[in-house]
Amino acid sequence: MNTTPLELENIYDLAYKVLSAHGCDHFNADSVATTVSHAERDGSVSHGLFRIPGYVASLKSKKVNGVSRPSNTYLTQNAIRVEGDYGFAPVGIKVGLPELIKTTNKHGVGVLTITNTHHFAALWHETEALAENNLIGIACTAYKPSVAPAGAKKTIIWN
């Protein structure tokens, strides 16, 4: 197998072009391509270009809305819910993070929940954005039990 080294800008461009060619508008393709290029930058190839075929498959199957427009709703003064409009999670994160930062700076604590999105993607991009704004954050996801907890032999299924 031959490999071709790519600069981060080329990784972003490749991801953006492929996503755009398969149904993402600029806003959606930019959000996902940024996450993909940051994953590659940080050495997490499992969440970089490796994910593009899966993203394309989900666009082709119509599982994902490539022109999603997530929106924010305040549940309390500190808690924001992003309604993801069935787009990719990085798009919802892009919409929710500015409000989370503003809320946390104002009240000292903020919580962001994201609903109706597809594939959470790399799980540190958003905490980096918080750190760049002098905040501390924890990112987690609740999805199908597919990974066993530390020390366990099987996944936990909550009823």
N, C-alpha and C. Protein backbone atom coordinates (compact mmCIF):
# COMPACT_ATOMS: atom_id res chain seq x y z
N MET A 1 0.84 -1.17 0.00
CA MET A 1 0.00 0.00 0.00
C MET A 1 0.89 1.24 0.00
N ASN A 2 0.56 2.21 -0.81
CA ASN A 2 1.27 3.47 -0.85
C ASN A 2 0.50 4.51 -0.04
N THR A 3 1.23 5.35 0.62
CA THR A 3 0.59 6.45 1.34
C THR A 3 1.08 7.77 0.77
N THR A 4 0.23 8.77 0.84
CA THR A 4 0.57 10.10 0.38
C THR A 4 0.42 11.05 1.55
N PRO A 5 1.51 11.64 2.01
CA PRO A 5 1.39 12.59 3.12
C PRO A 5 0.63 13.84 2.67
N LEU A 6 -0.23 14.33 3.55
CA LEU A 6 -1.02 15.52 3.26
C LEU A 6 -0.82 16.55 4.36
N GLU A 7 -0.78 17.79 3.98
CA GLU A 7 -0.76 18.88 4.95
C GLU A 7 -2.17 19.02 5.52
N LEU A 8 -2.30 19.62 6.69
CA LEU A 8 -3.61 19.79 7.31
C LEU A 8 -4.59 20.51 6.39
N GLU A 9 -4.11 21.51 5.70
CA GLU A 9 -4.98 22.25 4.76
C GLU A 9 -5.52 21.32 3.68
N ASN A 10 -4.69 20.40 3.20
CA ASN A 10 -5.13 19.44 2.18
C ASN A 10 -6.13 18.45 2.74
N ILE A 11 -5.95 18.06 3.99
CA ILE A 11 -6.88 17.15 4.65
C ILE A 11 -8.24 17.82 4.77
N TYR A 12 -8.25 19.06 5.24
CA TYR A 12 -9.49 19.81 5.34
C TYR A 12 -10.15 19.91 3.96
N ASP A 13 -9.38 20.32 2.95
CA ASP A 13 -9.93 20.50 1.60
C ASP A 13 -10.52 19.20 1.05
N LEU A 14 -9.82 18.09 1.25
CA LEU A 14 -10.31 16.80 0.76
C LEU A 14 -11.62 16.43 1.45
N ALA A 15 -11.65 16.53 2.77
CA ALA A 15 -12.88 16.21 3.51
C ALA A 15 -14.02 17.12 3.07
N TYR A 16 -13.74 18.41 2.97
CA TYR A 16 -14.76 19.38 2.58
C TYR A 16 -15.32 19.07 1.19
N LYS A 17 -14.44 18.81 0.23
CA LYS A 17 -14.89 18.52 -1.14
C LYS A 17 -15.72 17.25 -1.22
N VAL A 18 -15.30 16.21 -0.53
CA VAL A 18 -16.04 14.95 -0.55
C VAL A 18 -17.42 15.14 0.09
N LEU A 19 -17.46 15.78 1.24
CA LEU A 19 -18.75 16.01 1.91
C LEU A 19 -19.66 16.89 1.07
N SER A 20 -19.11 17.91 0.46
CA SER A 20 -19.90 18.80 -0.40
C SER A 20 -20.45 18.06 -1.61
N ALA A 21 -19.66 17.16 -2.16
CA ALA A 21 -20.09 16.40 -3.33
C ALA A 21 -21.19 15.40 -3.01
N HIS A 22 -21.38 15.11 -1.72
CA HIS A 22 -22.37 14.11 -1.34
C HIS A 22 -23.52 14.66 -0.51
N GLY A 23 -23.75 15.97 -0.59
CA GLY A 23 -24.96 16.51 0.01
C GLY A 23 -24.81 17.50 1.13
N CYS A 24 -23.61 17.82 1.54
CA CYS A 24 -23.43 18.83 2.59
C CYS A 24 -23.32 20.22 1.98
N ASP A 25 -23.98 21.18 2.59
CA ASP A 25 -23.76 22.57 2.19
C ASP A 25 -22.49 23.07 2.88
N HIS A 26 -22.13 24.32 2.64
CA HIS A 26 -20.89 24.87 3.19
C HIS A 26 -20.83 24.76 4.72
N PHE A 27 -21.90 25.16 5.39
CA PHE A 27 -21.90 25.19 6.86
C PHE A 27 -21.64 23.79 7.44
N ASN A 28 -22.30 22.79 6.89
CA ASN A 28 -22.16 21.42 7.38
C ASN A 28 -20.81 20.83 7.00
N ALA A 29 -20.41 20.98 5.74
CA ALA A 29 -19.12 20.44 5.29
C ALA A 29 -17.96 21.08 6.05
N ASP A 30 -18.04 22.38 6.28
CA ASP A 30 -16.98 23.08 7.02
C ASP A 30 -16.85 22.55 8.45
N SER A 31 -17.98 22.36 9.12
CA SER A 31 -17.95 21.88 10.50
C SER A 31 -17.31 20.50 10.61
N VAL A 32 -17.72 19.59 9.73
CA VAL A 32 -17.20 18.22 9.79
C VAL A 32 -15.75 18.18 9.32
N ALA A 33 -15.42 18.89 8.25
CA ALA A 33 -14.05 18.90 7.73
C ALA A 33 -13.08 19.49 8.77
N THR A 34 -13.52 20.46 9.53
CA THR A 34 -12.69 21.02 10.59
C THR A 34 -12.41 19.96 11.66
N THR A 35 -13.44 19.25 12.07
CA THR A 35 -13.26 18.19 13.07
C THR A 35 -12.34 17.09 12.54
N VAL A 36 -12.53 16.70 11.28
CA VAL A 36 -11.70 15.67 10.67
C VAL A 36 -10.24 16.12 10.62
N SER A 37 -9.99 17.34 10.20
CA SER A 37 -8.61 17.81 10.10
C SER A 37 -7.97 17.97 11.48
N HIS A 38 -8.76 18.36 12.48
CA HIS A 38 -8.22 18.46 13.84
C HIS A 38 -7.89 17.08 14.40
N ALA A 39 -8.71 16.09 14.08
CA ALA A 39 -8.42 14.72 14.53
C ALA A 39 -7.12 14.24 13.91
N GLU A 40 -6.93 14.50 12.63
CA GLU A 40 -5.67 14.11 11.96
C GLU A 40 -4.49 14.87 12.58
N ARG A 41 -4.68 16.14 12.82
CA ARG A 41 -3.62 16.97 13.44
C ARG A 41 -3.18 16.39 14.76
N ASP A 42 -4.16 15.90 15.54
CA ASP A 42 -3.88 15.41 16.88
C ASP A 42 -3.52 13.93 16.93
N GLY A 43 -3.43 13.30 15.76
CA GLY A 43 -3.00 11.90 15.69
C GLY A 43 -4.10 10.89 15.91
N SER A 44 -5.35 11.32 15.91
CA SER A 44 -6.47 10.39 16.08
C SER A 44 -7.02 10.03 14.70
N VAL A 45 -6.26 9.20 13.99
CA VAL A 45 -6.65 8.87 12.62
C VAL A 45 -8.00 8.14 12.57
N SER A 46 -8.39 7.50 13.66
CA SER A 46 -9.69 6.82 13.69
C SER A 46 -10.86 7.79 13.60
N HIS A 47 -10.61 9.07 13.83
CA HIS A 47 -11.66 10.08 13.74
C HIS A 47 -11.34 11.15 12.71
N GLY A 48 -10.36 10.86 11.86
CA GLY A 48 -9.98 11.77 10.79
C GLY A 48 -10.56 11.32 9.46
N LEU A 49 -9.71 11.30 8.44
CA LEU A 49 -10.16 10.92 7.10
C LEU A 49 -10.77 9.52 7.07
N PHE A 50 -10.36 8.67 7.99
CA PHE A 50 -10.91 7.33 8.10
C PHE A 50 -12.43 7.35 8.18
N ARG A 51 -13.01 8.40 8.76
CA ARG A 51 -14.46 8.50 8.96
C ARG A 51 -15.21 8.97 7.72
N ILE A 52 -14.53 9.52 6.75
CA ILE A 52 -15.21 10.10 5.59
C ILE A 52 -16.10 9.10 4.86
N PRO A 53 -15.66 7.87 4.56
CA PRO A 53 -16.58 6.93 3.89
C PRO A 53 -17.86 6.69 4.69
N GLY A 54 -17.77 6.62 6.00
CA GLY A 54 -18.97 6.45 6.83
C GLY A 54 -19.87 7.66 6.78
N TYR A 55 -19.27 8.84 6.79
CA TYR A 55 -20.07 10.06 6.67
C TYR A 55 -20.79 10.08 5.33
N VAL A 56 -20.09 9.72 4.27
CA VAL A 56 -20.69 9.69 2.93
C VAL A 56 -21.83 8.68 2.90
N ALA A 57 -21.62 7.50 3.45
CA ALA A 57 -22.66 6.47 3.47
C ALA A 57 -23.91 6.97 4.20
N SER A 58 -23.71 7.68 5.31
CA SER A 58 -24.86 8.17 6.05
C SER A 58 -25.58 9.29 5.30
N LEU A 59 -24.86 10.07 4.51
CA LEU A 59 -25.50 11.07 3.67
C LEU A 59 -26.29 10.41 2.54
N LYS A 60 -25.68 9.42 1.90
CA LYS A 60 -26.34 8.72 0.79
C LYS A 60 -27.61 8.00 1.25
N SER A 61 -27.57 7.44 2.46
CA SER A 61 -28.73 6.70 2.97
C SER A 61 -29.82 7.63 3.50
N LYS A 62 -29.52 8.92 3.55
CA LYS A 62 -30.44 9.94 4.07
C LYS A 62 -30.62 9.85 5.58
N LYS A 63 -29.72 9.13 6.26
CA LYS A 63 -29.73 9.10 7.72
C LYS A 63 -29.37 10.45 8.29
N VAL A 64 -28.58 11.20 7.52
CA VAL A 64 -28.07 12.49 7.98
C VAL A 64 -28.53 13.60 7.05
N ASN A 65 -28.88 14.72 7.64
CA ASN A 65 -29.29 15.91 6.91
C ASN A 65 -28.04 16.75 6.64
N GLY A 66 -27.58 16.76 5.41
CA GLY A 66 -26.37 17.49 5.05
C GLY A 66 -26.54 18.99 4.97
N VAL A 67 -27.77 19.46 5.14
CA VAL A 67 -28.03 20.90 5.14
C VAL A 67 -28.71 21.30 6.46
N SER A 68 -28.36 20.59 7.52
CA SER A 68 -28.99 20.83 8.82
C SER A 68 -28.74 22.24 9.31
N ARG A 69 -29.67 22.71 10.11
CA ARG A 69 -29.55 24.01 10.76
C ARG A 69 -29.92 23.84 12.23
N PRO A 70 -28.95 23.37 13.03
CA PRO A 70 -29.23 23.19 14.46
C PRO A 70 -29.62 24.51 15.12
N SER A 71 -30.38 24.37 16.21
CA SER A 71 -30.82 25.57 16.94
C SER A 71 -30.67 25.35 18.43
N ASN A 72 -30.48 26.43 19.17
CA ASN A 72 -30.29 26.39 20.61
C ASN A 72 -31.59 26.74 21.33
N THR A 73 -31.85 26.04 22.43
CA THR A 73 -32.94 26.37 23.33
C THR A 73 -32.38 26.38 24.74
N TYR A 74 -32.68 27.45 25.47
CA TYR A 74 -32.25 27.50 26.88
C TYR A 74 -33.25 26.72 27.72
N LEU A 75 -32.75 25.71 28.44
CA LEU A 75 -33.59 24.94 29.35
C LEU A 75 -33.65 25.62 30.71
N THR A 76 -32.51 26.19 31.12
CA THR A 76 -32.39 27.02 32.32
C THR A 76 -31.38 28.10 31.96
N GLN A 77 -31.03 28.96 32.90
CA GLN A 77 -30.04 29.99 32.59
C GLN A 77 -28.67 29.39 32.29
N ASN A 78 -28.43 28.16 32.75
CA ASN A 78 -27.14 27.51 32.58
C ASN A 78 -27.14 26.35 31.60
N ALA A 79 -28.30 25.88 31.20
CA ALA A 79 -28.38 24.68 30.37
C ALA A 79 -28.97 25.00 29.00
N ILE A 80 -28.25 24.59 27.98
CA ILE A 80 -28.65 24.83 26.60
C ILE A 80 -28.81 23.49 25.90
N ARG A 81 -29.88 23.35 25.16
CA ARG A 81 -30.06 22.15 24.33
C ARG A 81 -29.93 22.57 22.87
N VAL A 82 -29.07 21.85 22.16
CA VAL A 82 -28.96 22.04 20.72
C VAL A 82 -29.83 20.97 20.06
N GLU A 83 -30.81 21.41 19.30
CA GLU A 83 -31.61 20.51 18.47
C GLU A 83 -30.84 20.39 17.16
N GLY A 84 -30.29 19.21 16.89
CA GLY A 84 -29.34 19.02 15.80
C GLY A 84 -29.89 18.94 14.40
N ASP A 85 -31.21 18.90 14.23
CA ASP A 85 -31.82 18.85 12.89
C ASP A 85 -31.30 17.66 12.08
N TYR A 86 -30.92 16.60 12.77
CA TYR A 86 -30.47 15.34 12.16
C TYR A 86 -29.22 15.48 11.29
N GLY A 87 -28.40 16.47 11.64
CA GLY A 87 -27.11 16.65 10.96
C GLY A 87 -26.01 15.94 11.73
N PHE A 88 -24.79 16.17 11.31
CA PHE A 88 -23.64 15.62 12.02
C PHE A 88 -23.41 16.38 13.32
N ALA A 89 -22.95 15.70 14.34
CA ALA A 89 -22.73 16.31 15.65
C ALA A 89 -21.81 17.53 15.61
N PRO A 90 -20.71 17.53 14.81
CA PRO A 90 -19.87 18.72 14.79
C PRO A 90 -20.60 20.00 14.38
N VAL A 91 -21.67 19.86 13.61
CA VAL A 91 -22.46 21.03 13.22
C VAL A 91 -23.22 21.56 14.43
N GLY A 92 -23.84 20.65 15.19
CA GLY A 92 -24.53 21.05 16.41
C GLY A 92 -23.59 21.66 17.42
N ILE A 93 -22.41 21.10 17.53
CA ILE A 93 -21.40 21.63 18.45
C ILE A 93 -21.00 23.04 18.04
N LYS A 94 -20.83 23.25 16.75
CA LYS A 94 -20.45 24.57 16.25
C LYS A 94 -21.51 25.62 16.59
N VAL A 95 -22.77 25.21 16.56
CA VAL A 95 -23.87 26.13 16.89
C VAL A 95 -23.96 26.35 18.41
N GLY A 96 -23.75 25.30 19.18
CA GLY A 96 -23.93 25.41 20.62
C GLY A 96 -22.78 26.01 21.40
N LEU A 97 -21.56 25.80 20.94
CA LEU A 97 -20.39 26.26 21.71
C LEU A 97 -20.37 27.76 22.01
N PRO A 98 -20.65 28.62 21.07
CA PRO A 98 -20.62 30.06 21.41
C PRO A 98 -21.59 30.42 22.54
N GLU A 99 -22.77 29.82 22.54
CA GLU A 99 -23.73 30.08 23.62
C GLU A 99 -23.26 29.49 24.94
N LEU A 100 -22.65 28.30 24.88
CA LEU A 100 -22.12 27.69 26.09
C LEU A 100 -21.03 28.56 26.70
N ILE A 101 -20.15 29.06 25.87
CA ILE A 101 -19.06 29.93 26.35
C ILE A 101 -19.64 31.20 26.98
N LYS A 102 -20.59 31.80 26.30
CA LYS A 102 -21.22 33.03 26.82
C LYS A 102 -21.92 32.75 28.15
N THR A 103 -22.68 31.68 28.22
CA THR A 103 -23.41 31.32 29.44
C THR A 103 -22.46 31.01 30.59
N THR A 104 -21.42 30.25 30.31
CA THR A 104 -20.47 29.89 31.36
C THR A 104 -19.72 31.10 31.87
N ASN A 105 -19.33 31.99 30.99
CA ASN A 105 -18.67 33.23 31.43
C ASN A 105 -19.60 34.09 32.28
N LYS A 106 -20.88 34.08 31.96
CA LYS A 106 -21.84 34.90 32.70
C LYS A 106 -22.20 34.30 34.06
N HIS A 107 -22.41 32.97 34.10
CA HIS A 107 -22.94 32.33 35.31
C HIS A 107 -21.94 31.43 36.04
N GLY A 108 -20.78 31.17 35.46
CA GLY A 108 -19.78 30.34 36.11
C GLY A 108 -19.88 28.86 35.77
N VAL A 109 -21.06 28.42 35.34
CA VAL A 109 -21.28 27.02 34.98
C VAL A 109 -22.22 26.99 33.78
N GLY A 110 -21.91 26.11 32.84
CA GLY A 110 -22.80 25.93 31.69
C GLY A 110 -22.84 24.48 31.28
N VAL A 111 -23.97 24.07 30.76
CA VAL A 111 -24.17 22.70 30.29
C VAL A 111 -24.74 22.78 28.88
N LEU A 112 -24.18 21.96 28.00
CA LEU A 112 -24.67 21.91 26.63
C LEU A 112 -25.07 20.47 26.32
N THR A 113 -26.31 20.26 25.92
CA THR A 113 -26.75 18.95 25.48
C THR A 113 -27.06 19.04 23.99
N ILE A 114 -26.84 17.95 23.31
CA ILE A 114 -27.07 17.92 21.86
C ILE A 114 -27.97 16.74 21.55
N THR A 115 -29.04 16.99 20.82
CA THR A 115 -29.97 15.94 20.46
C THR A 115 -30.12 15.88 18.94
N ASN A 116 -30.54 14.72 18.49
CA ASN A 116 -30.85 14.50 17.07
C ASN A 116 -29.69 14.85 16.14
N THR A 117 -28.54 14.27 16.44
CA THR A 117 -27.38 14.39 15.56
C THR A 117 -26.84 12.99 15.28
N HIS A 118 -25.93 12.92 14.35
CA HIS A 118 -25.34 11.65 13.95
C HIS A 118 -23.84 11.67 14.19
N HIS A 119 -23.31 10.64 14.75
CA HIS A 119 -21.90 10.39 15.04
C HIS A 119 -21.21 11.57 15.71
N PHE A 120 -20.99 11.43 16.99
CA PHE A 120 -20.43 12.52 17.80
C PHE A 120 -19.04 12.96 17.33
N ALA A 121 -18.30 12.08 16.71
CA ALA A 121 -16.96 12.39 16.18
C ALA A 121 -15.94 12.48 17.30
N ALA A 122 -14.84 13.14 17.03
CA ALA A 122 -13.76 13.28 18.01
C ALA A 122 -14.30 14.02 19.23
N LEU A 123 -13.92 13.55 20.40
CA LEU A 123 -14.52 14.06 21.63
C LEU A 123 -13.57 14.94 22.43
N TRP A 124 -12.82 15.79 21.75
CA TRP A 124 -11.98 16.74 22.47
C TRP A 124 -11.95 18.09 21.78
N HIS A 125 -12.41 18.14 20.57
CA HIS A 125 -12.41 19.38 19.80
C HIS A 125 -13.16 20.48 20.55
N GLU A 126 -14.30 20.12 21.14
CA GLU A 126 -15.10 21.11 21.86
C GLU A 126 -14.46 21.53 23.17
N THR A 127 -13.78 20.60 23.85
CA THR A 127 -13.12 21.00 25.09
C THR A 127 -11.91 21.88 24.81
N GLU A 128 -11.26 21.67 23.68
CA GLU A 128 -10.18 22.58 23.28
C GLU A 128 -10.72 23.99 23.08
N ALA A 129 -11.88 24.10 22.46
CA ALA A 129 -12.48 25.42 22.25
C ALA A 129 -12.79 26.09 23.59
N LEU A 130 -13.23 25.31 24.56
CA LEU A 130 -13.48 25.87 25.88
C LEU A 130 -12.18 26.33 26.53
N ALA A 131 -11.14 25.50 26.45
CA ALA A 131 -9.84 25.86 27.02
C ALA A 131 -9.28 27.13 26.39
N GLU A 132 -9.49 27.28 25.08
CA GLU A 132 -9.03 28.49 24.39
C GLU A 132 -9.76 29.73 24.90
N ASN A 133 -10.88 29.53 25.58
CA ASN A 133 -11.64 30.62 26.18
C ASN A 133 -11.50 30.64 27.70
N ASN A 134 -10.41 30.03 28.20
CA ASN A 134 -10.10 30.00 29.63
C ASN A 134 -11.18 29.32 30.47
N LEU A 135 -11.79 28.30 29.91
CA LEU A 135 -12.82 27.52 30.61
C LEU A 135 -12.37 26.07 30.71
N ILE A 136 -12.99 25.35 31.61
CA ILE A 136 -12.73 23.92 31.77
C ILE A 136 -13.99 23.19 31.31
N GLY A 137 -13.82 22.10 30.58
CA GLY A 137 -14.98 21.38 30.11
C GLY A 137 -14.80 19.88 30.16
N ILE A 138 -15.91 19.20 30.24
CA ILE A 138 -15.95 17.74 30.16
C ILE A 138 -16.90 17.40 29.01
N ALA A 139 -16.45 16.55 28.11
CA ALA A 139 -17.30 16.12 27.01
C ALA A 139 -17.57 14.63 27.15
N CYS A 140 -18.80 14.25 26.97
CA CYS A 140 -19.15 12.83 27.03
C CYS A 140 -20.33 12.57 26.11
N THR A 141 -20.54 11.32 25.85
CA THR A 141 -21.64 10.94 24.98
C THR A 141 -22.40 9.77 25.59
N ALA A 142 -23.66 9.71 25.32
CA ALA A 142 -24.50 8.58 25.72
C ALA A 142 -25.06 7.99 24.44
N TYR A 143 -24.63 6.81 24.12
CA TYR A 143 -25.07 6.18 22.89
C TYR A 143 -25.28 4.70 23.15
N LYS A 144 -25.47 3.95 22.12
CA LYS A 144 -25.64 2.52 22.29
C LYS A 144 -24.47 1.96 23.10
N PRO A 145 -24.73 1.06 24.00
CA PRO A 145 -23.62 0.48 24.78
C PRO A 145 -22.78 -0.43 23.88
N SER A 146 -21.67 0.10 23.42
CA SER A 146 -20.82 -0.69 22.52
C SER A 146 -19.41 -0.87 23.06
N VAL A 147 -19.09 -0.19 24.14
CA VAL A 147 -17.77 -0.32 24.75
C VAL A 147 -17.98 -0.72 26.21
N ALA A 148 -17.29 -1.74 26.62
CA ALA A 148 -17.38 -2.19 28.01
C ALA A 148 -16.63 -1.21 28.91
N PRO A 149 -17.18 -0.91 30.10
CA PRO A 149 -16.47 -0.05 31.05
C PRO A 149 -15.16 -0.71 31.49
N ALA A 150 -14.26 0.07 32.04
CA ALA A 150 -12.97 -0.45 32.50
C ALA A 150 -13.19 -1.61 33.45
N GLY A 151 -12.51 -2.73 33.18
CA GLY A 151 -12.59 -3.91 34.01
C GLY A 151 -13.75 -4.85 33.68
N ALA A 152 -14.67 -4.42 32.84
CA ALA A 152 -15.83 -5.25 32.50
C ALA A 152 -15.56 -6.11 31.27
N LYS A 153 -16.34 -7.16 31.13
CA LYS A 153 -16.21 -8.05 29.97
C LYS A 153 -17.30 -7.81 28.94
N LYS A 154 -18.34 -7.09 29.34
CA LYS A 154 -19.41 -6.79 28.39
C LYS A 154 -19.98 -5.41 28.68
N THR A 155 -20.75 -4.91 27.73
CA THR A 155 -21.33 -3.58 27.89
C THR A 155 -22.45 -3.61 28.93
N ILE A 156 -22.75 -2.44 29.44
CA ILE A 156 -23.85 -2.30 30.40
C ILE A 156 -25.06 -1.80 29.64
N ILE A 157 -26.17 -2.47 29.82
CA ILE A 157 -27.41 -2.03 29.19
C ILE A 157 -28.34 -1.59 30.29
N TRP A 158 -28.71 -0.33 30.28
CA TRP A 158 -29.61 0.24 31.29
C TRP A 158 -31.04 0.11 30.78
N ASN A 159 -31.92 -0.35 31.62
CA ASN A 159 -33.33 -0.47 31.25
C ASN A 159 -34.15 0.61 31.88
